[in-house]
């Protein structure tokens, strides 16, 4: 199935507790944000907009030809920033919008197309995302790695930083290997939305589970809405939250020849 007509919005906030000015940090000769933008450019997106809260990022985007919108600094999330873009550009409620986070310089463009395609194929669903298999216990038990459990149809049941599902019998015996009788999935932080759904989403108050896990997508499940989860067509590269992540991303890009 060909990629449908869709937009990409890249939320890029200047402030970061662990990496101040993160979008403008240089990696492999380019700013982190430019790498992200070029990933979007390599996709089938009809339009790409960077949504930021800082004039320095506006200037950087203009230097490499990216369409950029300076959004309200009071926004609490990338989702709220995207909704401002939707309003400013007059996108209709049925517009498909992919949220490519501004700290994902190694996101394969095929996954951007995939999440848009998966959402387009399910008109009754407002939100879609991706996951990939977990094959080692270190990843499963890492609280920085978000895990997801789905039902038989591929709809999300829950997202957590904890190791889920918890195989009671096997893990009581040992946590050194993964049981082969159940699937463990790592969530990939790439989202597709219908614009009308996202406008409703940001009006809902933060859900208790969302606050506890620090995972915004749980707000959707809390309010009884479905999230489609597909298995990614290929592995995604590392996102960047810390200085160590920058080194991992640099190594990944070097292998790609970027």
C-alpha atoms as a PDB file:
ATOM      1  CA  UNK A   1       0.000   0.000   0.000  1.00  0.00           C
ATOM      2  CA  UNK A   2       1.367   3.410  -1.005  1.00  0.00           C
ATOM      3  CA  UNK A   3       1.878   6.080   1.632  1.00  0.00           C
ATOM      4  CA  UNK A   4      -1.207   8.298   1.983  1.00  0.00           C
ATOM      5  CA  UNK A   5      -1.241  12.082   1.962  1.00  0.00           C
ATOM      6  CA  UNK A   6       0.090  13.174   5.346  1.00  0.00           C
ATOM      7  CA  UNK A   7       1.942  15.953   7.167  1.00  0.00           C
ATOM      8  CA  UNK A   8       4.898  15.741   9.541  1.00  0.00           C
ATOM      9  CA  UNK A   9       5.279  18.097  12.485  1.00  0.00           C
ATOM     10  CA  UNK A  10       8.572  18.134  14.388  1.00  0.00           C
ATOM     11  CA  UNK A  11       8.163  19.593  17.905  1.00  0.00           C
ATOM     12  CA  UNK A  12      11.505  21.072  18.966  1.00  0.00           C
ATOM     13  CA  UNK A  13      11.840  22.658  22.389  1.00  0.00           C
ATOM     14  CA  UNK A  14      15.048  24.519  23.216  1.00  0.00           C
ATOM     15  CA  UNK A  15      15.027  23.858  26.957  1.00  0.00           C
ATOM     16  CA  UNK A  16      16.097  20.432  28.189  1.00  0.00           C
ATOM     17  CA  UNK A  17      17.022  19.478  31.736  1.00  0.00           C
ATOM     18  CA  UNK A  18      19.698  17.005  30.710  1.00  0.00           C
ATOM     19  CA  UNK A  19      20.807  18.582  27.406  1.00  0.00           C
ATOM     20  CA  UNK A  20      20.120  22.335  27.225  1.00  0.00           C
ATOM     21  CA  UNK A  21      19.724  23.554  23.650  1.00  0.00           C
ATOM     22  CA  UNK A  22      19.449  19.946  22.514  1.00  0.00           C
ATOM     23  CA  UNK A  23      17.948  20.558  19.022  1.00  0.00           C
ATOM     24  CA  UNK A  24      20.957  22.683  18.058  1.00  0.00           C
ATOM     25  CA  UNK A  25      23.681  20.377  19.367  1.00  0.00           C
ATOM     26  CA  UNK A  26      25.958  19.249  16.577  1.00  0.00           C
ATOM     27  CA  UNK A  27      26.184  15.617  15.631  1.00  0.00           C
ATOM     28  CA  UNK A  28      28.147  14.332  12.621  1.00  0.00           C
ATOM     29  CA  UNK A  29      28.565  17.861  11.272  1.00  0.00           C
ATOM     30  CA  UNK A  30      24.907  18.916  11.467  1.00  0.00           C
ATOM     31  CA  UNK A  31      22.546  20.022  14.194  1.00  0.00           C
ATOM     32  CA  UNK A  32      20.476  17.268  15.754  1.00  0.00           C
ATOM     33  CA  UNK A  33      17.344  19.020  14.459  1.00  0.00           C
ATOM     34  CA  UNK A  34      18.628  19.108  10.902  1.00  0.00           C
ATOM     35  CA  UNK A  35      19.170  15.351  11.009  1.00  0.00           C
ATOM     36  CA  UNK A  36      15.561  14.928  12.158  1.00  0.00           C
ATOM     37  CA  UNK A  37      14.302  17.245   9.414  1.00  0.00           C
ATOM     38  CA  UNK A  38      16.220  15.308   6.774  1.00  0.00           C
ATOM     39  CA  UNK A  39      14.621  12.082   8.007  1.00  0.00           C
ATOM     40  CA  UNK A  40      11.233  13.683   7.416  1.00  0.00           C
ATOM     41  CA  UNK A  41      12.321  14.960   4.000  1.00  0.00           C
ATOM     42  CA  UNK A  42      13.224  11.392   3.012  1.00  0.00           C
ATOM     43  CA  UNK A  43       9.676  10.247   3.805  1.00  0.00           C
ATOM     44  CA  UNK A  44       6.588  10.631   1.583  1.00  0.00           C
ATOM     45  CA  UNK A  45       5.214  13.513   3.675  1.00  0.00           C
ATOM     46  CA  UNK A  46       3.395  16.212   1.703  1.00  0.00           C
ATOM     47  CA  UNK A  47       4.362  18.927   4.200  1.00  0.00           C
ATOM     48  CA  UNK A  48       6.882  19.228   7.036  1.00  0.00           C
ATOM     49  CA  UNK A  49       6.718  21.861   9.763  1.00  0.00           C
ATOM     50  CA  UNK A  50       9.044  22.391  12.714  1.00  0.00           C
ATOM     51  CA  UNK A  51       7.127  23.678  15.764  1.00  0.00           C
ATOM     52  CA  UNK A  52       9.350  25.412  18.292  1.00  0.00           C
ATOM     53  CA  UNK A  53       9.304  27.748  21.285  1.00  0.00           C
ATOM     54  CA  UNK A  54      12.582  29.543  20.593  1.00  0.00           C
ATOM     55  CA  UNK A  55      13.855  32.106  18.081  1.00  0.00           C
ATOM     56  CA  UNK A  56      17.260  30.389  17.973  1.00  0.00           C
ATOM     57  CA  UNK A  57      15.633  27.282  16.567  1.00  0.00           C
ATOM     58  CA  UNK A  58      13.633  29.407  14.116  1.00  0.00           C
ATOM     59  CA  UNK A  59      16.896  30.876  12.849  1.00  0.00           C
ATOM     60  CA  UNK A  60      18.520  27.463  12.521  1.00  0.00           C
ATOM     61  CA  UNK A  61      15.540  26.104  10.569  1.00  0.00           C
ATOM     62  CA  UNK A  62      15.590  29.057   8.204  1.00  0.00           C
ATOM     63  CA  UNK A  63      19.308  28.466   7.583  1.00  0.00           C
ATOM     64  CA  UNK A  64      18.650  25.001   6.138  1.00  0.00           C
ATOM     65  CA  UNK A  65      15.320  25.776   4.474  1.00  0.00           C
ATOM     66  CA  UNK A  66      12.871  24.171   6.895  1.00  0.00           C
ATOM     67  CA  UNK A  67       9.320  25.468   7.289  1.00  0.00           C
ATOM     68  CA  UNK A  68       9.087  26.552  10.937  1.00  0.00           C
ATOM     69  CA  UNK A  69       6.410  27.999  13.215  1.00  0.00           C
ATOM     70  CA  UNK A  70       7.187  29.799  16.483  1.00  0.00           C
ATOM     71  CA  UNK A  71       4.593  28.477  18.910  1.00  0.00           C
ATOM     72  CA  UNK A  72       3.453  29.472  22.387  1.00  0.00           C
ATOM     73  CA  UNK A  73       6.185  28.960  24.985  1.00  0.00           C
ATOM     74  CA  UNK A  74       3.511  27.995  27.535  1.00  0.00           C
ATOM     75  CA  UNK A  75       2.747  24.665  25.845  1.00  0.00           C
ATOM     76  CA  UNK A  76       3.333  21.661  28.099  1.00  0.00           C
ATOM     77  CA  UNK A  77       3.904  19.080  25.375  1.00  0.00           C
ATOM     78  CA  UNK A  78       4.737  18.484  21.756  1.00  0.00           C
ATOM     79  CA  UNK A  79       1.114  17.474  21.221  1.00  0.00           C
ATOM     80  CA  UNK A  80      -0.075  20.942  22.242  1.00  0.00           C
ATOM     81  CA  UNK A  81       2.515  22.489  19.941  1.00  0.00           C
ATOM     82  CA  UNK A  82       1.250  20.368  17.036  1.00  0.00           C
ATOM     83  CA  UNK A  83      -2.333  21.456  17.651  1.00  0.00           C
ATOM     84  CA  UNK A  84      -1.213  25.081  17.312  1.00  0.00           C
ATOM     85  CA  UNK A  85       0.322  24.179  13.936  1.00  0.00           C
ATOM     86  CA  UNK A  86      -2.919  22.467  12.872  1.00  0.00           C
ATOM     87  CA  UNK A  87      -4.866  25.625  13.691  1.00  0.00           C
ATOM     88  CA  UNK A  88      -2.339  27.994  12.105  1.00  0.00           C
ATOM     89  CA  UNK A  89      -2.213  26.023   8.851  1.00  0.00           C
ATOM     90  CA  UNK A  90      -5.953  25.370   8.723  1.00  0.00           C
ATOM     91  CA  UNK A  91      -5.600  21.604   8.398  1.00  0.00           C
ATOM     92  CA  UNK A  92      -8.890  19.715   8.308  1.00  0.00           C
ATOM     93  CA  UNK A  93      -9.894  17.268  11.038  1.00  0.00           C
ATOM     94  CA  UNK A  94      -9.255  14.246   8.800  1.00  0.00           C
ATOM     95  CA  UNK A  95      -5.665  15.343   8.048  1.00  0.00           C
ATOM     96  CA  UNK A  96      -3.102  12.705   8.950  1.00  0.00           C
ATOM     97  CA  UNK A  97      -0.308  14.176  11.063  1.00  0.00           C
ATOM     98  CA  UNK A  98       2.868  12.343  12.081  1.00  0.00           C
ATOM     99  CA  UNK A  99       4.620  13.552  15.230  1.00  0.00           C
ATOM    100  CA  UNK A 100       8.334  13.095  14.588  1.00  0.00           C
ATOM    101  CA  UNK A 101       9.970  14.134  17.829  1.00  0.00           C
ATOM    102  CA  UNK A 102      12.828  16.608  17.548  1.00  0.00           C
ATOM    103  CA  UNK A 103      15.309  14.328  19.326  1.00  0.00           C
ATOM    104  CA  UNK A 104      15.055  11.406  16.866  1.00  0.00           C
ATOM    105  CA  UNK A 105      17.922  11.952  14.387  1.00  0.00           C
ATOM    106  CA  UNK A 106      18.102   8.248  13.561  1.00  0.00           C
ATOM    107  CA  UNK A 107      14.423   7.538  12.801  1.00  0.00           C
ATOM    108  CA  UNK A 108      14.181   5.613   9.511  1.00  0.00           C
ATOM    109  CA  UNK A 109      11.986   7.424   6.997  1.00  0.00           C
ATOM    110  CA  UNK A 110      10.233   4.147   6.129  1.00  0.00           C
ATOM    111  CA  UNK A 111       8.795   4.116   9.649  1.00  0.00           C
ATOM    112  CA  UNK A 112       7.383   7.623   9.192  1.00  0.00           C
ATOM    113  CA  UNK A 113       5.587   6.364   6.094  1.00  0.00           C
ATOM    114  CA  UNK A 114       4.505   3.188   7.865  1.00  0.00           C
ATOM    115  CA  UNK A 115       2.789   4.883  10.801  1.00  0.00           C
ATOM    116  CA  UNK A 116       0.900   7.195   8.407  1.00  0.00           C
ATOM    117  CA  UNK A 117      -0.107   4.256   6.221  1.00  0.00           C
ATOM    118  CA  UNK A 118      -1.290   2.199   9.195  1.00  0.00           C
ATOM    119  CA  UNK A 119      -3.432   5.059  10.467  1.00  0.00           C
ATOM    120  CA  UNK A 120      -4.914   5.748   7.026  1.00  0.00           C
ATOM    121  CA  UNK A 121      -5.980   2.100   6.754  1.00  0.00           C
ATOM    122  CA  UNK A 122      -8.069   2.385   9.955  1.00  0.00           C
ATOM    123  CA  UNK A 123     -10.581   5.250   9.612  1.00  0.00           C
ATOM    124  CA  UNK A 124     -12.116   4.623  13.045  1.00  0.00           C
ATOM    125  CA  UNK A 125      -8.782   5.013  14.880  1.00  0.00           C
ATOM    126  CA  UNK A 126      -7.415   8.404  15.874  1.00  0.00           C
ATOM    127  CA  UNK A 127      -3.889   7.422  16.862  1.00  0.00           C
ATOM    128  CA  UNK A 128      -1.241   4.939  15.695  1.00  0.00           C
ATOM    129  CA  UNK A 129       2.296   4.073  16.714  1.00  0.00           C
ATOM    130  CA  UNK A 130       4.971   1.397  16.286  1.00  0.00           C
ATOM    131  CA  UNK A 131       6.854  -1.177  18.329  1.00  0.00           C
ATOM    132  CA  UNK A 132       9.617  -3.719  17.827  1.00  0.00           C
ATOM    133  CA  UNK A 133      10.443  -7.012  19.547  1.00  0.00           C
ATOM    134  CA  UNK A 134      12.576  -7.048  22.688  1.00  0.00           C
ATOM    135  CA  UNK A 135      15.156  -9.807  22.625  1.00  0.00           C
ATOM    136  CA  UNK A 136      17.159  -9.273  25.828  1.00  0.00           C
ATOM    137  CA  UNK A 137      16.407  -8.821  29.519  1.00  0.00           C
ATOM    138  CA  UNK A 138      18.517  -5.673  29.817  1.00  0.00           C
ATOM    139  CA  UNK A 139      16.114  -3.827  27.522  1.00  0.00           C
ATOM    140  CA  UNK A 140      13.035  -5.299  29.165  1.00  0.00           C
ATOM    141  CA  UNK A 141      14.081  -4.242  32.658  1.00  0.00           C
ATOM    142  CA  UNK A 142      15.390  -0.804  31.660  1.00  0.00           C
ATOM    143  CA  UNK A 143      12.959   1.869  33.001  1.00  0.00           C
ATOM    144  CA  UNK A 144      14.109   4.271  30.261  1.00  0.00           C
ATOM    145  CA  UNK A 145      12.779   1.831  27.655  1.00  0.00           C
ATOM    146  CA  UNK A 146       9.002   2.022  27.216  1.00  0.00           C
ATOM    147  CA  UNK A 147       7.243  -1.286  26.758  1.00  0.00           C
ATOM    148  CA  UNK A 148       3.808  -1.916  25.236  1.00  0.00           C
ATOM    149  CA  UNK A 149       1.332  -4.794  25.397  1.00  0.00           C
ATOM    150  CA  UNK A 150      -1.321  -5.214  22.706  1.00  0.00           C
ATOM    151  CA  UNK A 151      -4.453  -7.258  22.233  1.00  0.00           C
ATOM    152  CA  UNK A 152      -4.962  -9.818  19.453  1.00  0.00           C
ATOM    153  CA  UNK A 153      -5.941  -7.121  16.948  1.00  0.00           C
ATOM    154  CA  UNK A 154      -2.910  -4.896  17.527  1.00  0.00           C
ATOM    155  CA  UNK A 155      -4.581  -2.328  19.772  1.00  0.00           C
ATOM    156  CA  UNK A 156      -2.582  -1.141  22.770  1.00  0.00           C
ATOM    157  CA  UNK A 157      -3.606  -2.484  26.171  1.00  0.00           C
ATOM    158  CA  UNK A 158      -0.953  -0.635  28.177  1.00  0.00           C
ATOM    159  CA  UNK A 159       2.385   1.179  27.967  1.00  0.00           C
ATOM    160  CA  UNK A 160       4.841   1.052  30.850  1.00  0.00           C
ATOM    161  CA  UNK A 161       8.402   1.656  31.926  1.00  0.00           C
ATOM    162  CA  UNK A 162       8.098  -1.557  33.927  1.00  0.00           C
ATOM    163  CA  UNK A 163       8.759  -4.978  32.358  1.00  0.00           C
ATOM    164  CA  UNK A 164       5.414  -6.010  30.837  1.00  0.00           C
ATOM    165  CA  UNK A 165       3.956  -8.533  30.460  1.00  0.00           C
ATOM    166  CA  UNK A 166       5.246 -10.033  33.694  1.00  0.00           C
ATOM    167  CA  UNK A 167       5.639 -13.782  33.179  1.00  0.00           C
ATOM    168  CA  UNK A 168       4.952 -14.862  36.747  1.00  0.00           C
ATOM    169  CA  UNK A 169       6.234 -18.437  36.671  1.00  0.00           C
ATOM    170  CA  UNK A 170       9.289 -17.900  34.488  1.00  0.00           C
ATOM    171  CA  UNK A 171      10.461 -14.714  36.203  1.00  0.00           C
ATOM    172  CA  UNK A 172      10.021 -16.257  39.647  1.00  0.00           C
ATOM    173  CA  UNK A 173      12.632 -18.780  38.585  1.00  0.00           C
ATOM    174  CA  UNK A 174      14.998 -16.395  36.784  1.00  0.00           C
ATOM    175  CA  UNK A 175      15.126 -12.963  35.137  1.00  0.00           C
ATOM    176  CA  UNK A 176      18.301 -13.730  33.197  1.00  0.00           C
ATOM    177  CA  UNK A 177      16.520 -14.795  30.012  1.00  0.00           C
ATOM    178  CA  UNK A 178      13.245 -14.033  28.258  1.00  0.00           C
ATOM    179  CA  UNK A 179      10.469 -16.626  28.221  1.00  0.00           C
ATOM    180  CA  UNK A 180       9.749 -17.804  24.708  1.00  0.00           C
ATOM    181  CA  UNK A 181       6.005 -18.182  25.234  1.00  0.00           C
ATOM    182  CA  UNK A 182       5.093 -14.482  25.261  1.00  0.00           C
ATOM    183  CA  UNK A 183       6.010 -11.481  23.100  1.00  0.00           C
ATOM    184  CA  UNK A 184       7.819  -8.494  24.579  1.00  0.00           C
ATOM    185  CA  UNK A 185       7.652  -5.205  22.670  1.00  0.00           C
ATOM    186  CA  UNK A 186       9.617  -1.967  22.860  1.00  0.00           C
ATOM    187  CA  UNK A 187       7.576   1.096  22.002  1.00  0.00           C
ATOM    188  CA  UNK A 188       8.963   3.388  19.310  1.00  0.00           C
ATOM    189  CA  UNK A 189       8.096   7.017  20.072  1.00  0.00           C
ATOM    190  CA  UNK A 190       6.669   7.860  16.657  1.00  0.00           C
ATOM    191  CA  UNK A 191       2.975   8.769  16.450  1.00  0.00           C
ATOM    192  CA  UNK A 192       0.382   9.305  13.760  1.00  0.00           C
ATOM    193  CA  UNK A 193      -2.818  11.218  14.543  1.00  0.00           C
ATOM    194  CA  UNK A 194      -5.931  12.413  12.840  1.00  0.00           C
ATOM    195  CA  UNK A 195      -5.916  16.164  13.398  1.00  0.00           C
ATOM    196  CA  UNK A 196      -9.440  16.211  14.870  1.00  0.00           C
ATOM    197  CA  UNK A 197      -8.521  13.505  17.364  1.00  0.00           C
ATOM    198  CA  UNK A 198      -5.415  15.360  18.510  1.00  0.00           C
ATOM    199  CA  UNK A 199      -7.426  18.538  19.081  1.00  0.00           C
ATOM    200  CA  UNK A 200      -9.690  16.545  21.420  1.00  0.00           C
ATOM    201  CA  UNK A 201      -6.753  14.777  23.059  1.00  0.00           C
ATOM    202  CA  UNK A 202      -5.073  17.966  24.269  1.00  0.00           C
ATOM    203  CA  UNK A 203      -8.308  19.120  25.916  1.00  0.00           C
ATOM    204  CA  UNK A 204      -8.387  16.100  28.229  1.00  0.00           C
ATOM    205  CA  UNK A 205      -6.713  16.514  31.629  1.00  0.00           C
ATOM    206  CA  UNK A 206      -3.583  14.508  32.329  1.00  0.00           C
ATOM    207  CA  UNK A 207      -4.561  11.017  33.450  1.00  0.00           C
ATOM    208  CA  UNK A 208      -3.292   9.541  36.747  1.00  0.00           C
ATOM    209  CA  UNK A 209      -1.519   6.705  34.928  1.00  0.00           C
ATOM    210  CA  UNK A 210       0.063   9.184  32.525  1.00  0.00           C
ATOM    211  CA  UNK A 211       1.455  11.182  35.437  1.00  0.00           C
ATOM    212  CA  UNK A 212       2.691   8.077  37.247  1.00  0.00           C
ATOM    213  CA  UNK A 213       4.510   6.613  34.240  1.00  0.00           C
ATOM    214  CA  UNK A 214       5.350   9.968  32.595  1.00  0.00           C
ATOM    215  CA  UNK A 215       3.856   8.626  29.350  1.00  0.00           C
ATOM    216  CA  UNK A 216       1.435  10.953  27.588  1.00  0.00           C
ATOM    217  CA  UNK A 217      -0.053   8.220  25.379  1.00  0.00           C
ATOM    218  CA  UNK A 218      -1.708   6.671  28.443  1.00  0.00           C
ATOM    219  CA  UNK A 219      -4.137   9.613  28.404  1.00  0.00           C
ATOM    220  CA  UNK A 220      -5.623   8.128  25.256  1.00  0.00           C
ATOM    221  CA  UNK A 221      -6.209   4.699  26.815  1.00  0.00           C
ATOM    222  CA  UNK A 222      -7.517   6.271  30.033  1.00  0.00           C
ATOM    223  CA  UNK A 223     -10.225   7.976  27.992  1.00  0.00           C
ATOM    224  CA  UNK A 224     -11.251   4.778  26.216  1.00  0.00           C
ATOM    225  CA  UNK A 225      -9.680   5.544  22.838  1.00  0.00           C
ATOM    226  CA  UNK A 226      -7.778   2.990  20.769  1.00  0.00           C
ATOM    227  CA  UNK A 227      -4.130   3.207  19.774  1.00  0.00           C
ATOM    228  CA  UNK A 228      -3.082   1.058  16.842  1.00  0.00           C
ATOM    229  CA  UNK A 229       0.342  -0.554  17.379  1.00  0.00           C
ATOM    230  CA  UNK A 230       2.129  -2.123  14.399  1.00  0.00           C
ATOM    231  CA  UNK A 231       5.411  -3.979  14.345  1.00  0.00           C
ATOM    232  CA  UNK A 232       8.004  -1.696  12.772  1.00  0.00           C
ATOM    233  CA  UNK A 233       9.265  -2.692   9.350  1.00  0.00           C
ATOM    234  CA  UNK A 234      12.820  -2.100  10.591  1.00  0.00           C
ATOM    235  CA  UNK A 235      14.615  -1.144  13.791  1.00  0.00           C
ATOM    236  CA  UNK A 236      14.713   2.511  14.748  1.00  0.00           C
ATOM    237  CA  UNK A 237      17.979   4.156  15.729  1.00  0.00           C
ATOM    238  CA  UNK A 238      18.636   5.759  19.132  1.00  0.00           C
ATOM    239  CA  UNK A 239      16.830   8.886  20.269  1.00  0.00           C
ATOM    240  CA  UNK A 240      18.771  11.542  22.156  1.00  0.00           C
ATOM    241  CA  UNK A 241      18.049  12.436  25.778  1.00  0.00           C
ATOM    242  CA  UNK A 242      21.527  12.397  27.309  1.00  0.00           C
ATOM    243  CA  UNK A 243      25.162  12.988  26.374  1.00  0.00           C
ATOM    244  CA  UNK A 244      25.597   9.204  26.191  1.00  0.00           C
ATOM    245  CA  UNK A 245      22.715   9.054  23.695  1.00  0.00           C
ATOM    246  CA  UNK A 246      24.532  11.589  21.524  1.00  0.00           C
ATOM    247  CA  UNK A 247      27.481   9.205  21.292  1.00  0.00           C
ATOM    248  CA  UNK A 248      25.179   6.311  20.399  1.00  0.00           C
ATOM    249  CA  UNK A 249      23.461   8.386  17.711  1.00  0.00           C
ATOM    250  CA  UNK A 250      26.833   9.419  16.294  1.00  0.00           C
ATOM    251  CA  UNK A 251      27.877   5.773  16.048  1.00  0.00           C
ATOM    252  CA  UNK A 252      24.566   4.869  14.383  1.00  0.00           C
ATOM    253  CA  UNK A 253      24.886   7.668  11.816  1.00  0.00           C
ATOM    254  CA  UNK A 254      28.492   6.698  11.110  1.00  0.00           C
ATOM    255  CA  UNK A 255      27.375   3.160  10.266  1.00  0.00           C
ATOM    256  CA  UNK A 256      24.736   4.596   7.935  1.00  0.00           C
ATOM    257  CA  UNK A 257      27.285   6.872   6.318  1.00  0.00           C
ATOM    258  CA  UNK A 258      25.265   9.959   7.213  1.00  0.00           C
END
